[in-house]
Amino acid sequence: HQIPSVLGQFVVSLRLLDLAHNQIAHLGDELWSLRSLRDLSLAGNRLREVPAAIGNLKCLQQLWLHGNMLEELPEELGELESLAILELHHNQLRALSL
């Protein structure tokens, strides 16, 4: 499963997006164009990776990625200076370097 491509066209000013528990395995490019996003929940899906494009979400304050199948995180996650909450439990992370 993946996020519908029409998402980015209609919700440019979206601040909260909860896509938890939807069996999403792939994150499309549209998600990374939501520049006003502050809270993003992708918990409880089937994600194996988070694209480097997550670094585009400069306003992001809360990110929930727990309950996926992540083995590593992109370095760009460390560039999110507004990020205050990062939930990563119940993944398959081998190392953490932000």
C-alpha atoms as a PDB file:
ATOM      1  CA  HIS A   1       0.000   0.000   0.000  1.00  0.00           C
ATOM      2  CA  GLN A   2       1.082   3.573  -0.545  1.00  0.00           C
ATOM      3  CA  ILE A   3      -0.151   7.129  -0.033  1.00  0.00           C
ATOM      4  CA  PRO A   4      -2.455   8.430  -2.814  1.00  0.00           C
ATOM      5  CA  SER A   5      -0.697  10.780  -5.239  1.00  0.00           C
ATOM      6  CA  VAL A   6      -3.456  13.408  -5.018  1.00  0.00           C
ATOM      7  CA  LEU A   7      -2.584  14.169  -1.395  1.00  0.00           C
ATOM      8  CA  GLY A   8      -0.114  16.967  -2.103  1.00  0.00           C
ATOM      9  CA  GLN A   9      -2.466  18.775  -4.492  1.00  0.00           C
ATOM     10  CA  PHE A  10      -5.164  19.542  -1.954  1.00  0.00           C
ATOM     11  CA  VAL A  11      -3.523  19.975   1.424  1.00  0.00           C
ATOM     12  CA  VAL A  12      -0.586  22.344   1.026  1.00  0.00           C
ATOM     13  CA  SER A  13      -1.242  24.050   4.384  1.00  0.00           C
ATOM     14  CA  LEU A  14      -1.890  20.813   6.305  1.00  0.00           C
ATOM     15  CA  ARG A  15      -0.325  20.813   9.791  1.00  0.00           C
ATOM     16  CA  LEU A  16      -1.300  17.358  11.129  1.00  0.00           C
ATOM     17  CA  LEU A  17      -1.355  14.114   9.180  1.00  0.00           C
ATOM     18  CA  ASP A  18      -2.173  10.801  10.843  1.00  0.00           C
ATOM     19  CA  LEU A  19      -1.587   7.803   8.581  1.00  0.00           C
ATOM     20  CA  ALA A  20      -1.048   5.312  11.404  1.00  0.00           C
ATOM     21  CA  HIS A  21      -2.072   1.659  11.033  1.00  0.00           C
ATOM     22  CA  ASN A  22      -2.775   1.669   7.297  1.00  0.00           C
ATOM     23  CA  GLN A  23      -0.327  -1.017   6.134  1.00  0.00           C
ATOM     24  CA  ILE A  24       1.628   1.588   4.143  1.00  0.00           C
ATOM     25  CA  ALA A  25       4.831   0.113   2.752  1.00  0.00           C
ATOM     26  CA  HIS A  26       5.978   2.976   0.518  1.00  0.00           C
ATOM     27  CA  LEU A  27       5.935   6.740   0.983  1.00  0.00           C
ATOM     28  CA  GLY A  28       5.338   8.645  -2.249  1.00  0.00           C
ATOM     29  CA  ASP A  29       6.968  11.937  -3.193  1.00  0.00           C
ATOM     30  CA  GLU A  30       3.806  13.948  -2.504  1.00  0.00           C
ATOM     31  CA  LEU A  31       4.232  13.672   1.254  1.00  0.00           C
ATOM     32  CA  TRP A  32       7.490  15.622   1.216  1.00  0.00           C
ATOM     33  CA  SER A  33       5.844  18.652  -0.417  1.00  0.00           C
ATOM     34  CA  LEU A  34       3.677  19.288   2.669  1.00  0.00           C
ATOM     35  CA  ARG A  35       5.999  22.038   3.958  1.00  0.00           C
ATOM     36  CA  SER A  36       3.597  23.264   6.692  1.00  0.00           C
ATOM     37  CA  LEU A  37       3.336  19.834   8.320  1.00  0.00           C
ATOM     38  CA  ARG A  38       4.085  19.901  12.064  1.00  0.00           C
ATOM     39  CA  ASP A  39       2.824  16.516  13.241  1.00  0.00           C
ATOM     40  CA  LEU A  40       3.197  13.314  11.222  1.00  0.00           C
ATOM     41  CA  SER A  41       2.186   9.849  12.375  1.00  0.00           C
ATOM     42  CA  LEU A  42       3.288   6.905  10.282  1.00  0.00           C
ATOM     43  CA  ALA A  43       3.167   4.468  13.194  1.00  0.00           C
ATOM     44  CA  GLY A  44       2.091   0.858  12.811  1.00  0.00           C
ATOM     45  CA  ASN A  45       2.654   0.538   9.088  1.00  0.00           C
ATOM     46  CA  ARG A  46       5.002  -1.618   7.006  1.00  0.00           C
ATOM     47  CA  LEU A  47       7.707   0.935   6.309  1.00  0.00           C
ATOM     48  CA  ARG A  48      11.223  -0.372   5.767  1.00  0.00           C
ATOM     49  CA  GLU A  49      12.753   3.026   5.009  1.00  0.00           C
ATOM     50  CA  VAL A  50      12.202   6.734   5.395  1.00  0.00           C
ATOM     51  CA  PRO A  51      13.323   8.694   2.329  1.00  0.00           C
ATOM     52  CA  ALA A  52      15.973  11.396   2.629  1.00  0.00           C
ATOM     53  CA  ALA A  53      13.319  13.848   1.410  1.00  0.00           C
ATOM     54  CA  ILE A  54      11.973  13.942   4.968  1.00  0.00           C
ATOM     55  CA  GLY A  55      14.508  16.723   5.393  1.00  0.00           C
ATOM     56  CA  ASN A  56      12.122  18.945   3.382  1.00  0.00           C
ATOM     57  CA  LEU A  57       9.656  19.037   6.305  1.00  0.00           C
ATOM     58  CA  LYS A  58      11.418  21.860   8.158  1.00  0.00           C
ATOM     59  CA  CYS A  59       8.350  22.702  10.317  1.00  0.00           C
ATOM     60  CA  LEU A  60       7.978  19.131  11.613  1.00  0.00           C
ATOM     61  CA  GLN A  61       7.771  19.055  15.419  1.00  0.00           C
ATOM     62  CA  GLN A  62       6.426  15.564  16.115  1.00  0.00           C
ATOM     63  CA  LEU A  63       7.163  12.390  14.169  1.00  0.00           C
ATOM     64  CA  TRP A  64       5.807   8.967  15.055  1.00  0.00           C
ATOM     65  CA  LEU A  65       7.505   6.078  13.266  1.00  0.00           C
ATOM     66  CA  HIS A  66       7.077   3.340  15.868  1.00  0.00           C
ATOM     67  CA  GLY A  67       5.725  -0.076  14.947  1.00  0.00           C
ATOM     68  CA  ASN A  68       7.276  -0.313  11.486  1.00  0.00           C
ATOM     69  CA  MET A  69      10.135  -2.387  10.074  1.00  0.00           C
ATOM     70  CA  LEU A  70      12.768   0.345   9.896  1.00  0.00           C
ATOM     71  CA  GLU A  71      16.381  -0.796  10.017  1.00  0.00           C
ATOM     72  CA  GLU A  72      17.995   2.615   9.587  1.00  0.00           C
ATOM     73  CA  LEU A  73      17.129   6.291   9.397  1.00  0.00           C
ATOM     74  CA  PRO A  74      18.260   8.896   6.869  1.00  0.00           C
ATOM     75  CA  GLU A  75      20.827  11.472   7.985  1.00  0.00           C
ATOM     76  CA  GLU A  76      18.421  14.206   6.875  1.00  0.00           C
ATOM     77  CA  LEU A  77      16.287  13.441   9.907  1.00  0.00           C
ATOM     78  CA  GLY A  78      18.953  15.199  11.950  1.00  0.00           C
ATOM     79  CA  GLU A  79      18.357  18.395   9.959  1.00  0.00           C
ATOM     80  CA  LEU A  80      14.828  18.827  11.342  1.00  0.00           C
ATOM     81  CA  GLU A  81      15.644  21.542  13.873  1.00  0.00           C
ATOM     82  CA  SER A  82      12.037  21.956  15.041  1.00  0.00           C
ATOM     83  CA  LEU A  83      11.616  18.256  15.817  1.00  0.00           C
ATOM     84  CA  ALA A  84      10.775  17.835  19.514  1.00  0.00           C
ATOM     85  CA  ILE A  85       9.210  14.346  19.593  1.00  0.00           C
ATOM     86  CA  LEU A  86      10.516  11.318  17.705  1.00  0.00           C
ATOM     87  CA  GLU A  87       8.956   7.908  18.433  1.00  0.00           C
ATOM     88  CA  LEU A  88      10.947   4.964  17.079  1.00  0.00           C
ATOM     89  CA  HIS A  89      10.158   2.001  19.343  1.00  0.00           C
ATOM     90  CA  HIS A  90       9.146  -1.378  17.892  1.00  0.00           C
ATOM     91  CA  ASN A  91      11.311  -1.174  14.784  1.00  0.00           C
ATOM     92  CA  GLN A  92      14.388  -3.120  13.718  1.00  0.00           C
ATOM     93  CA  LEU A  93      16.925  -0.313  14.072  1.00  0.00           C
ATOM     94  CA  ARG A  94      20.509  -1.477  14.245  1.00  0.00           C
ATOM     95  CA  ALA A  95      22.147   1.877  14.916  1.00  0.00           C
ATOM     96  CA  LEU A  96      21.102   5.451  15.538  1.00  0.00           C
ATOM     97  CA  SER A  97      23.156   8.364  14.253  1.00  0.00           C
ATOM     98  CA  LEU A  98      21.312  11.651  13.898  1.00  0.00           C
END
